[in-house]
Amino acid sequence: LFDEEWLDWVGPEPQHWPQRACIGATLADGSLVEIAVLAL
């Protein structure tokens, strides 16, 4: 389900697709997702 949303967000152009790691984790109460990015 996350991958569907991700693909919609990053768009169809492969040159805009970042390297990505997806990890299962215990997050703070109520949080279902956390994302950290490095950008130019």
PDB file of all heavy atoms in Angstrom:
ATOM      1  N   LEU A   1       0.835  -1.197   0.000  1.00  0.00           N
ATOM      2  CA  LEU A   1       0.000   0.000   0.000  1.00  0.00           C
ATOM      3  C   LEU A   1       0.879   1.259   0.000  1.00  0.00           C
ATOM      4  O   LEU A   1       0.621   2.205  -0.738  1.00  0.00           O
ATOM      5  CB  LEU A   1      -0.930  -0.002   1.220  1.00  0.00           C
ATOM      6  CG  LEU A   1      -1.885   1.171   1.365  1.00  0.00           C
ATOM      7  CD1 LEU A   1      -2.798   1.299   0.158  1.00  0.00           C
ATOM      8  CD2 LEU A   1      -2.710   0.993   2.636  1.00  0.00           C
ATOM      9  N   PHE A   2       1.934   1.240   0.820  1.00  0.00           N
ATOM     10  CA  PHE A   2       2.870   2.367   0.823  1.00  0.00           C
ATOM     11  C   PHE A   2       3.501   2.533  -0.557  1.00  0.00           C
ATOM     12  O   PHE A   2       3.625   3.653  -1.053  1.00  0.00           O
ATOM     13  CB  PHE A   2       3.967   2.177   1.880  1.00  0.00           C
ATOM     14  CG  PHE A   2       5.000   3.263   1.798  1.00  0.00           C
ATOM     15  CD1 PHE A   2       4.773   4.488   2.396  1.00  0.00           C
ATOM     16  CD2 PHE A   2       6.171   3.080   1.082  1.00  0.00           C
ATOM     17  CE1 PHE A   2       5.698   5.519   2.278  1.00  0.00           C
ATOM     18  CE2 PHE A   2       7.106   4.091   0.960  1.00  0.00           C
ATOM     19  CZ  PHE A   2       6.866   5.324   1.568  1.00  0.00           C
ATOM     20  N   ASP A   3       3.914   1.426  -1.178  1.00  0.00           N
ATOM     21  CA  ASP A   3       4.568   1.496  -2.492  1.00  0.00           C
ATOM     22  C   ASP A   3       3.667   2.179  -3.528  1.00  0.00           C
ATOM     23  O   ASP A   3       4.153   2.941  -4.363  1.00  0.00           O
ATOM     24  CB  ASP A   3       4.951   0.099  -2.983  1.00  0.00           C
ATOM     25  CG  ASP A   3       6.133  -0.491  -2.226  1.00  0.00           C
ATOM     26  OD1 ASP A   3       6.881   0.272  -1.572  1.00  0.00           O
ATOM     27  OD2 ASP A   3       6.296  -1.724  -2.286  1.00  0.00           O
ATOM     28  N   GLU A   4       2.361   1.924  -3.486  1.00  0.00           N
ATOM     29  CA  GLU A   4       1.431   2.580  -4.415  1.00  0.00           C
ATOM     30  C   GLU A   4       1.459   4.094  -4.217  1.00  0.00           C
ATOM     31  O   GLU A   4       1.523   4.857  -5.192  1.00  0.00           O
ATOM     32  CB  GLU A   4       0.007   2.074  -4.198  1.00  0.00           C
ATOM     33  CG  GLU A   4      -0.235   0.668  -4.672  1.00  0.00           C
ATOM     34  CD  GLU A   4      -1.661   0.218  -4.384  1.00  0.00           C
ATOM     35  OE1 GLU A   4      -2.587   1.066  -4.398  1.00  0.00           O
ATOM     36  OE2 GLU A   4      -1.853  -0.983  -4.138  1.00  0.00           O
ATOM     37  N   GLU A   5       1.403   4.528  -2.957  1.00  0.00           N
ATOM     38  CA  GLU A   5       1.434   5.965  -2.659  1.00  0.00           C
ATOM     39  C   GLU A   5       2.778   6.564  -3.058  1.00  0.00           C
ATOM     40  O   GLU A   5       2.838   7.675  -3.590  1.00  0.00           O
ATOM     41  CB  GLU A   5       1.159   6.215  -1.172  1.00  0.00           C
ATOM     42  CG  GLU A   5      -0.244   5.851  -0.742  1.00  0.00           C
ATOM     43  CD  GLU A   5      -1.318   6.684  -1.436  1.00  0.00           C
ATOM     44  OE1 GLU A   5      -1.139   7.909  -1.562  1.00  0.00           O
ATOM     45  OE2 GLU A   5      -2.336   6.110  -1.847  1.00  0.00           O
ATOM     46  N   TRP A   6       3.855   5.835  -2.796  1.00  0.00           N
ATOM     47  CA  TRP A   6       5.204   6.302  -3.140  1.00  0.00           C
ATOM     48  C   TRP A   6       5.321   6.540  -4.645  1.00  0.00           C
ATOM     49  O   TRP A   6       5.787   7.579  -5.092  1.00  0.00           O
ATOM     50  CB  TRP A   6       6.230   5.279  -2.666  1.00  0.00           C
ATOM     51  CG  TRP A   6       7.636   5.596  -3.076  1.00  0.00           C
ATOM     52  CD1 TRP A   6       8.291   5.130  -4.180  1.00  0.00           C
ATOM     53  CD2 TRP A   6       8.550   6.475  -2.407  1.00  0.00           C
ATOM     54  NE1 TRP A   6       9.565   5.651  -4.231  1.00  0.00           N
ATOM     55  CE2 TRP A   6       9.748   6.477  -3.151  1.00  0.00           C
ATOM     56  CE3 TRP A   6       8.481   7.239  -1.256  1.00  0.00           C
ATOM     57  CZ2 TRP A   6      10.857   7.222  -2.787  1.00  0.00           C
ATOM     58  CZ3 TRP A   6       9.594   7.976  -0.891  1.00  0.00           C
ATOM     59  CH2 TRP A   6      10.764   7.961  -1.648  1.00  0.00           C
ATOM     60  N   LEU A   7       4.886   5.557  -5.433  1.00  0.00           N
ATOM     61  CA  LEU A   7       4.986   5.685  -6.889  1.00  0.00           C
ATOM     62  C   LEU A   7       4.166   6.861  -7.407  1.00  0.00           C
ATOM     63  O   LEU A   7       4.588   7.562  -8.336  1.00  0.00           O
ATOM     64  CB  LEU A   7       4.560   4.387  -7.569  1.00  0.00           C
ATOM     65  CG  LEU A   7       5.553   3.238  -7.437  1.00  0.00           C
ATOM     66  CD1 LEU A   7       4.947   1.946  -7.966  1.00  0.00           C
ATOM     67  CD2 LEU A   7       6.860   3.562  -8.139  1.00  0.00           C
ATOM     68  N   ASP A   8       3.017   7.079  -6.814  1.00  0.00           N
ATOM     69  CA  ASP A   8       2.201   8.224  -7.200  1.00  0.00           C
ATOM     70  C   ASP A   8       2.934   9.528  -6.871  1.00  0.00           C
ATOM     71  O   ASP A   8       2.904  10.476  -7.640  1.00  0.00           O
ATOM     72  CB  ASP A   8       0.847   8.164  -6.494  1.00  0.00           C
ATOM     73  CG  ASP A   8      -0.098   9.254  -6.963  1.00  0.00           C
ATOM     74  OD1 ASP A   8      -0.284   9.397  -8.186  1.00  0.00           O
ATOM     75  OD2 ASP A   8      -0.641   9.974  -6.104  1.00  0.00           O
ATOM     76  N   TRP A   9       3.614   9.576  -5.713  1.00  0.00           N
ATOM     77  CA  TRP A   9       4.290  10.792  -5.264  1.00  0.00           C
ATOM     78  C   TRP A   9       5.570  11.083  -6.050  1.00  0.00           C
ATOM     79  O   TRP A   9       5.808  12.211  -6.466  1.00  0.00           O
ATOM     80  CB  TRP A   9       4.602  10.711  -3.767  1.00  0.00           C
ATOM     81  CG  TRP A   9       5.128  11.984  -3.186  1.00  0.00           C
ATOM     82  CD1 TRP A   9       4.484  13.183  -3.106  1.00  0.00           C
ATOM     83  CD2 TRP A   9       6.406  12.180  -2.578  1.00  0.00           C
ATOM     84  NE1 TRP A   9       5.284  14.122  -2.491  1.00  0.00           N
ATOM     85  CE2 TRP A   9       6.472  13.524  -2.150  1.00  0.00           C
ATOM     86  CE3 TRP A   9       7.499  11.354  -2.353  1.00  0.00           C
ATOM     87  CZ2 TRP A   9       7.586  14.054  -1.516  1.00  0.00           C
ATOM     88  CZ3 TRP A   9       8.598  11.883  -1.714  1.00  0.00           C
ATOM     89  CH2 TRP A   9       8.646  13.223  -1.294  1.00  0.00           C
ATOM     90  N   VAL A  10       6.396  10.084  -6.267  1.00  0.00           N
ATOM     91  CA  VAL A  10       7.663  10.338  -6.970  1.00  0.00           C
ATOM     92  C   VAL A  10       7.462  10.538  -8.462  1.00  0.00           C
ATOM     93  O   VAL A  10       8.318  11.115  -9.125  1.00  0.00           O
ATOM     94  CB  VAL A  10       8.750   9.257  -6.715  1.00  0.00           C
ATOM     95  CG1 VAL A  10       9.157   9.227  -5.270  1.00  0.00           C
ATOM     96  CG2 VAL A  10       8.322   7.895  -7.209  1.00  0.00           C
ATOM     97  N   GLY A  11       6.349  10.071  -8.989  1.00  0.00           N
ATOM     98  CA  GLY A  11       6.035  10.296 -10.392  1.00  0.00           C
ATOM     99  C   GLY A  11       6.633   9.260 -11.320  1.00  0.00           C
ATOM    100  O   GLY A  11       7.383   8.373 -10.904  1.00  0.00           O
ATOM    101  N   PRO A  12       6.319   9.397 -12.608  1.00  0.00           N
ATOM    102  CA  PRO A  12       6.684   8.374 -13.585  1.00  0.00           C
ATOM    103  C   PRO A  12       8.104   8.480 -14.155  1.00  0.00           C
ATOM    104  O   PRO A  12       8.535   7.586 -14.865  1.00  0.00           O
ATOM    105  CB  PRO A  12       5.656   8.598 -14.701  1.00  0.00           C
ATOM    106  CG  PRO A  12       5.383  10.069 -14.647  1.00  0.00           C
ATOM    107  CD  PRO A  12       5.442  10.421 -13.173  1.00  0.00           C
ATOM    108  N   GLU A  13       8.822   9.564 -13.836  1.00  0.00           N
ATOM    109  CA  GLU A  13      10.142   9.777 -14.434  1.00  0.00           C
ATOM    110  C   GLU A  13      11.242   9.100 -13.612  1.00  0.00           C
ATOM    111  O   GLU A  13      11.550   9.539 -12.506  1.00  0.00           O
ATOM    112  CB  GLU A  13      10.436  11.275 -14.540  1.00  0.00           C
ATOM    113  CG  GLU A  13       9.436  12.042 -15.381  1.00  0.00           C
ATOM    114  CD  GLU A  13       9.399  11.557 -16.820  1.00  0.00           C
ATOM    115  OE1 GLU A  13      10.449  11.162 -17.356  1.00  0.00           O
ATOM    116  OE2 GLU A  13       8.302  11.573 -17.408  1.00  0.00           O
ATOM    117  N   PRO A  14      11.863   8.040 -14.133  1.00  0.00           N
ATOM    118  CA  PRO A  14      12.900   7.325 -13.380  1.00  0.00           C
ATOM    119  C   PRO A  14      14.055   8.208 -12.913  1.00  0.00           C
ATOM    120  O   PRO A  14      14.661   7.931 -11.882  1.00  0.00           O
ATOM    121  CB  PRO A  14      13.397   6.259 -14.365  1.00  0.00           C
ATOM    122  CG  PRO A  14      12.247   6.037 -15.281  1.00  0.00           C
ATOM    123  CD  PRO A  14      11.575   7.388 -15.412  1.00  0.00           C
ATOM    124  N   GLN A  15      14.355   9.300 -13.624  1.00  0.00           N
ATOM    125  CA  GLN A  15      15.458  10.153 -13.196  1.00  0.00           C
ATOM    126  C   GLN A  15      15.131  10.891 -11.905  1.00  0.00           C
ATOM    127  O   GLN A  15      16.015  11.490 -11.298  1.00  0.00           O
ATOM    128  CB  GLN A  15      15.891  11.134 -14.300  1.00  0.00           C
ATOM    129  CG  GLN A  15      14.876  12.190 -14.646  1.00  0.00           C
ATOM    130  CD  GLN A  15      13.930  11.760 -15.766  1.00  0.00           C
ATOM    131  OE1 GLN A  15      13.738  10.578 -16.012  1.00  0.00           O
ATOM    132  NE2 GLN A  15      13.352  12.727 -16.443  1.00  0.00           N
ATOM    133  N   HIS A  16      13.872  10.853 -11.445  1.00  0.00           N
ATOM    134  CA  HIS A  16      13.489  11.482 -10.183  1.00  0.00           C
ATOM    135  C   HIS A  16      13.317  10.457  -9.061  1.00  0.00           C
ATOM    136  O   HIS A  16      12.915  10.817  -7.958  1.00  0.00           O
ATOM    137  CB  HIS A  16      12.180  12.271 -10.346  1.00  0.00           C
ATOM    138  CG  HIS A  16      12.294  13.395 -11.313  1.00  0.00           C
ATOM    139  ND1 HIS A  16      11.221  13.916 -11.969  1.00  0.00           N
ATOM    140  CD2 HIS A  16      13.364  14.100 -11.755  1.00  0.00           C
ATOM    141  CE1 HIS A  16      11.606  14.880 -12.771  1.00  0.00           C
ATOM    142  NE2 HIS A  16      12.910  15.004 -12.661  1.00  0.00           N
ATOM    143  N   TRP A  17      13.578   9.198  -9.321  1.00  0.00           N
ATOM    144  CA  TRP A  17      13.392   8.158  -8.313  1.00  0.00           C
ATOM    145  C   TRP A  17      14.644   8.033  -7.449  1.00  0.00           C
ATOM    146  O   TRP A  17      15.718   7.677  -7.932  1.00  0.00           O
ATOM    147  CB  TRP A  17      13.109   6.817  -8.958  1.00  0.00           C
ATOM    148  CG  TRP A  17      11.830   6.755  -9.739  1.00  0.00           C
ATOM    149  CD1 TRP A  17      10.802   7.654  -9.726  1.00  0.00           C
ATOM    150  CD2 TRP A  17      11.462   5.740 -10.658  1.00  0.00           C
ATOM    151  NE1 TRP A  17       9.807   7.254 -10.580  1.00  0.00           N
ATOM    152  CE2 TRP A  17      10.178   6.075 -11.171  1.00  0.00           C
ATOM    153  CE3 TRP A  17      12.065   4.587 -11.102  1.00  0.00           C
ATOM    154  CZ2 TRP A  17       9.509   5.285 -12.099  1.00  0.00           C
ATOM    155  CZ3 TRP A  17      11.394   3.801 -12.031  1.00  0.00           C
ATOM    156  CH2 TRP A  17      10.134   4.143 -12.508  1.00  0.00           C
ATOM    157  N   PRO A  18      14.527   8.308  -6.163  1.00  0.00           N
ATOM    158  CA  PRO A  18      15.697   8.169  -5.285  1.00  0.00           C
ATOM    159  C   PRO A  18      15.947   6.714  -4.899  1.00  0.00           C
ATOM    160  O   PRO A  18      15.077   5.853  -5.062  1.00  0.00           O
ATOM    161  CB  PRO A  18      15.290   8.984  -4.053  1.00  0.00           C
ATOM    162  CG  PRO A  18      13.807   8.887  -4.023  1.00  0.00           C
ATOM    163  CD  PRO A  18      13.361   8.827  -5.460  1.00  0.00           C
ATOM    164  N   GLN A  19      17.122   6.480  -4.384  1.00  0.00           N
ATOM    165  CA  GLN A  19      17.404   5.200  -3.733  1.00  0.00           C
ATOM    166  C   GLN A  19      16.518   5.184  -2.501  1.00  0.00           C
ATOM    167  O   GLN A  19      16.316   6.209  -1.855  1.00  0.00           O
ATOM    168  CB  GLN A  19      18.891   5.148  -3.368  1.00  0.00           C
ATOM    169  CG  GLN A  19      19.300   4.000  -2.495  1.00  0.00           C
ATOM    170  CD  GLN A  19      19.038   4.220  -1.025  1.00  0.00           C
ATOM    171  OE1 GLN A  19      19.118   5.327  -0.525  1.00  0.00           O
ATOM    172  NE2 GLN A  19      18.703   3.167  -0.325  1.00  0.00           N
ATOM    173  N   ARG A  20      15.924   4.017  -2.160  1.00  0.00           N
ATOM    174  CA  ARG A  20      15.009   3.968  -1.029  1.00  0.00           C
ATOM    175  C   ARG A  20      15.168   2.666  -0.266  1.00  0.00           C
ATOM    176  O   ARG A  20      15.303   1.603  -0.856  1.00  0.00           O
ATOM    177  CB  ARG A  20      13.562   4.077  -1.523  1.00  0.00           C
ATOM    178  CG  ARG A  20      12.561   4.249  -0.402  1.00  0.00           C
ATOM    179  CD  ARG A  20      11.149   4.054  -0.894  1.00  0.00           C
ATOM    180  NE  ARG A  20      10.782   2.647  -0.723  1.00  0.00           N
ATOM    181  CZ  ARG A  20       9.643   2.128  -1.130  1.00  0.00           C
ATOM    182  NH1 ARG A  20       8.751   2.861  -1.768  1.00  0.00           N
ATOM    183  NH2 ARG A  20       9.382   0.861  -0.923  1.00  0.00           N
ATOM    184  N   ALA A  21      15.139   2.773   1.054  1.00  0.00           N
ATOM    185  CA  ALA A  21      15.094   1.600   1.925  1.00  0.00           C
ATOM    186  C   ALA A  21      13.797   1.676   2.716  1.00  0.00           C
ATOM    187  O   ALA A  21      13.369   2.757   3.112  1.00  0.00           O
ATOM    188  CB  ALA A  21      16.282   1.597   2.879  1.00  0.00           C
ATOM    189  N   CYS A  22      13.163   0.532   2.923  1.00  0.00           N
ATOM    190  CA  CYS A  22      11.907   0.480   3.671  1.00  0.00           C
ATOM    191  C   CYS A  22      12.073  -0.553   4.782  1.00  0.00           C
ATOM    192  O   CYS A  22      12.410  -1.709   4.515  1.00  0.00           O
ATOM    193  CB  CYS A  22      10.771   0.101   2.736  1.00  0.00           C
ATOM    194  SG  CYS A  22       9.140   0.402   3.420  1.00  0.00           S
ATOM    195  N   ILE A  23      11.844  -0.119   6.015  1.00  0.00           N
ATOM    196  CA  ILE A  23      12.150  -0.924   7.187  1.00  0.00           C
ATOM    197  C   ILE A  23      10.929  -1.016   8.094  1.00  0.00           C
ATOM    198  O   ILE A  23      10.246  -0.016   8.307  1.00  0.00           O
ATOM    199  CB  ILE A  23      13.313  -0.264   7.973  1.00  0.00           C
ATOM    200  CG1 ILE A  23      14.531  -0.089   7.062  1.00  0.00           C
ATOM    201  CG2 ILE A  23      13.645  -1.048   9.233  1.00  0.00           C
ATOM    202  CD1 ILE A  23      15.503   0.956   7.535  1.00  0.00           C
ATOM    203  N   GLY A  24      10.660  -2.180   8.638  1.00  0.00           N
ATOM    204  CA  GLY A  24       9.624  -2.335   9.648  1.00  0.00           C
ATOM    205  C   GLY A  24      10.190  -1.893  10.987  1.00  0.00           C
ATOM    206  O   GLY A  24      11.326  -2.236  11.327  1.00  0.00           O
ATOM    207  N   ALA A  25       9.432  -1.078  11.742  1.00  0.00           N
ATOM    208  CA  ALA A  25       9.966  -0.533  12.990  1.00  0.00           C
ATOM    209  C   ALA A  25       8.842  -0.229  13.975  1.00  0.00           C
ATOM    210  O   ALA A  25       7.701  -0.014  13.586  1.00  0.00           O
ATOM    211  CB  ALA A  25      10.732   0.757  12.708  1.00  0.00           C
ATOM    212  N   THR A  26       9.212  -0.208  15.246  1.00  0.00           N
ATOM    213  CA  THR A  26       8.300   0.269  16.275  1.00  0.00           C
ATOM    214  C   THR A  26       8.410   1.790  16.292  1.00  0.00           C
ATOM    215  O   THR A  26       9.481   2.332  16.543  1.00  0.00           O
ATOM    216  CB  THR A  26       8.679  -0.310  17.657  1.00  0.00           C
ATOM    217  OG1 THR A  26       8.649  -1.732  17.563  1.00  0.00           O
ATOM    218  CG2 THR A  26       7.719   0.173  18.723  1.00  0.00           C
ATOM    219  N   LEU A  27       7.305   2.469  15.997  1.00  0.00           N
ATOM    220  CA  LEU A  27       7.296   3.930  15.938  1.00  0.00           C
ATOM    221  C   LEU A  27       6.552   4.493  17.138  1.00  0.00           C
ATOM    222  O   LEU A  27       5.872   3.768  17.860  1.00  0.00           O
ATOM    223  CB  LEU A  27       6.634   4.395  14.632  1.00  0.00           C
ATOM    224  CG  LEU A  27       7.316   3.917  13.344  1.00  0.00           C
ATOM    225  CD1 LEU A  27       6.511   4.361  12.125  1.00  0.00           C
ATOM    226  CD2 LEU A  27       8.739   4.422  13.254  1.00  0.00           C
ATOM    227  N   ALA A  28       6.674   5.798  17.329  1.00  0.00           N
ATOM    228  CA  ALA A  28       5.986   6.477  18.428  1.00  0.00           C
ATOM    229  C   ALA A  28       4.483   6.242  18.317  1.00  0.00           C
ATOM    230  O   ALA A  28       3.954   6.015  17.224  1.00  0.00           O
ATOM    231  CB  ALA A  28       6.299   7.971  18.395  1.00  0.00           C
ATOM    232  N   ASP A  29       3.797   6.324  19.443  1.00  0.00           N
ATOM    233  CA  ASP A  29       2.360   6.067  19.498  1.00  0.00           C
ATOM    234  C   ASP A  29       1.599   6.762  18.382  1.00  0.00           C
ATOM    235  O   ASP A  29       1.713   7.968  18.203  1.00  0.00           O
ATOM    236  CB  ASP A  29       1.789   6.517  20.839  1.00  0.00           C
ATOM    237  CG  ASP A  29       2.157   5.576  21.977  1.00  0.00           C
ATOM    238  OD1 ASP A  29       2.603   4.451  21.688  1.00  0.00           O
ATOM    239  OD2 ASP A  29       1.999   5.977  23.139  1.00  0.00           O
ATOM    240  N   GLY A  30       0.846   5.992  17.630  1.00  0.00           N
ATOM    241  CA  GLY A  30       0.007   6.527  16.575  1.00  0.00           C
ATOM    242  C   GLY A  30       0.689   6.703  15.237  1.00  0.00           C
ATOM    243  O   GLY A  30       0.023   6.793  14.212  1.00  0.00           O
ATOM    244  N   SER A  31       2.003   6.759  15.199  1.00  0.00           N
ATOM    245  CA  SER A  31       2.722   6.928  13.930  1.00  0.00           C
ATOM    246  C   SER A  31       2.749   5.608  13.178  1.00  0.00           C
ATOM    247  O   SER A  31       3.121   4.579  13.734  1.00  0.00           O
ATOM    248  CB  SER A  31       4.162   7.396  14.167  1.00  0.00           C
ATOM    249  OG  SER A  31       4.191   8.733  14.579  1.00  0.00           O
ATOM    250  N   LEU A  32       2.357   5.662  11.925  1.00  0.00           N
ATOM    251  CA  LEU A  32       2.388   4.477  11.078  1.00  0.00           C
ATOM    252  C   LEU A  32       3.530   4.514  10.076  1.00  0.00           C
ATOM    253  O   LEU A  32       3.896   3.495   9.513  1.00  0.00           O
ATOM    254  CB  LEU A  32       1.052   4.337  10.338  1.00  0.00           C
ATOM    255  CG  LEU A  32      -0.184   4.244  11.230  1.00  0.00           C
ATOM    256  CD1 LEU A  32      -1.455   4.176  10.384  1.00  0.00           C
ATOM    257  CD2 LEU A  32      -0.085   3.054  12.163  1.00  0.00           C
ATOM    258  N   VAL A  33       4.110   5.731   9.862  1.00  0.00           N
ATOM    259  CA  VAL A  33       5.191   5.895   8.899  1.00  0.00           C
ATOM    260  C   VAL A  33       6.068   7.069   9.327  1.00  0.00           C
ATOM    261  O   VAL A  33       5.584   8.063   9.864  1.00  0.00           O
ATOM    262  CB  VAL A  33       4.642   6.106   7.467  1.00  0.00           C
ATOM    263  CG1 VAL A  33       3.783   7.349   7.381  1.00  0.00           C
ATOM    264  CG2 VAL A  33       5.757   6.136   6.430  1.00  0.00           C
ATOM    265  N   GLU A  34       7.356   6.924   9.090  1.00  0.00           N
ATOM    266  CA  GLU A  34       8.314   8.012   9.247  1.00  0.00           C
ATOM    267  C   GLU A  34       9.262   7.925   8.063  1.00  0.00           C
ATOM    268  O   GLU A  34       9.662   6.836   7.653  1.00  0.00           O
ATOM    269  CB  GLU A  34       9.089   7.903  10.552  1.00  0.00           C
ATOM    270  CG  GLU A  34      10.045   9.046  10.782  1.00  0.00           C
ATOM    271  CD  GLU A  34      10.617   9.107  12.195  1.00  0.00           C
ATOM    272  OE1 GLU A  34      10.148   8.364  13.076  1.00  0.00           O
ATOM    273  OE2 GLU A  34      11.540   9.909  12.398  1.00  0.00           O
ATOM    274  N   ILE A  35       9.620   9.087   7.506  1.00  0.00           N
ATOM    275  CA  ILE A  35      10.505   9.105   6.343  1.00  0.00           C
ATOM    276  C   ILE A  35      11.604  10.140   6.568  1.00  0.00           C
ATOM    277  O   ILE A  35      11.331  11.267   6.999  1.00  0.00           O
ATOM    278  CB  ILE A  35       9.733   9.443   5.046  1.00  0.00           C
ATOM    279  CG1 ILE A  35       8.622   8.424   4.808  1.00  0.00           C
ATOM    280  CG2 ILE A  35      10.698   9.478   3.846  1.00  0.00           C
ATOM    281  CD1 ILE A  35       7.738   8.731   3.610  1.00  0.00           C
ATOM    282  N   ALA A  36      12.832   9.754   6.253  1.00  0.00           N
ATOM    283  CA  ALA A  36      13.985  10.659   6.282  1.00  0.00           C
ATOM    284  C   ALA A  36      14.576  10.689   4.876  1.00  0.00           C
ATOM    285  O   ALA A  36      14.686   9.651   4.215  1.00  0.00           O
ATOM    286  CB  ALA A  36      15.023  10.173   7.275  1.00  0.00           C
ATOM    287  N   VAL A  37      14.943  11.898   4.416  1.00  0.00           N
ATOM    288  CA  VAL A  37      15.504  12.023   3.078  1.00  0.00           C
ATOM    289  C   VAL A  37      16.761  12.881   3.079  1.00  0.00           C
ATOM    290  O   VAL A  37      16.949  13.743   3.940  1.00  0.00           O
ATOM    291  CB  VAL A  37      14.489  12.623   2.069  1.00  0.00           C
ATOM    292  CG1 VAL A  37      13.255  11.745   1.951  1.00  0.00           C
ATOM    293  CG2 VAL A  37      14.113  14.045   2.412  1.00  0.00           C
ATOM    294  N   LEU A  38      17.592  12.630   2.095  1.00  0.00           N
ATOM    295  CA  LEU A  38      18.741  13.464   1.757  1.00  0.00           C
ATOM    296  C   LEU A  38      18.503  13.939   0.329  1.00  0.00           C
ATOM    297  O   LEU A  38      18.202  13.123  -0.553  1.00  0.00           O
ATOM    298  CB  LEU A  38      20.043  12.661   1.824  1.00  0.00           C
ATOM    299  CG  LEU A  38      21.278  13.295   1.173  1.00  0.00           C
ATOM    300  CD1 LEU A  38      21.656  14.598   1.855  1.00  0.00           C
ATOM    301  CD2 LEU A  38      22.436  12.320   1.171  1.00  0.00           C
ATOM    302  N   ALA A  39      18.599  15.249   0.122  1.00  0.00           N
ATOM    303  CA  ALA A  39      18.346  15.808  -1.205  1.00  0.00           C
ATOM    304  C   ALA A  39      19.436  16.804  -1.588  1.00  0.00           C
ATOM    305  O   ALA A  39      20.081  17.393  -0.722  1.00  0.00           O
ATOM    306  CB  ALA A  39      16.987  16.497  -1.231  1.00  0.00           C
ATOM    307  N   LEU A  40      19.604  16.984  -2.880  1.00  0.00           N
ATOM    308  CA  LEU A  40      20.456  18.049  -3.393  1.00  0.00           C
ATOM    309  C   LEU A  40      19.633  19.324  -3.435  1.00  0.00           C
ATOM    310  O   LEU A  40      18.410  19.288  -3.585  1.00  0.00           O
ATOM    311  CB  LEU A  40      20.958  17.732  -4.791  1.00  0.00           C
ATOM    312  CG  LEU A  40      22.039  16.671  -4.874  1.00  0.00           C
ATOM    313  CD1 LEU A  40      22.364  16.378  -6.330  1.00  0.00           C
ATOM    314  CD2 LEU A  40      23.285  17.098  -4.120  1.00  0.00           C
TER     315      LEU A  40
END
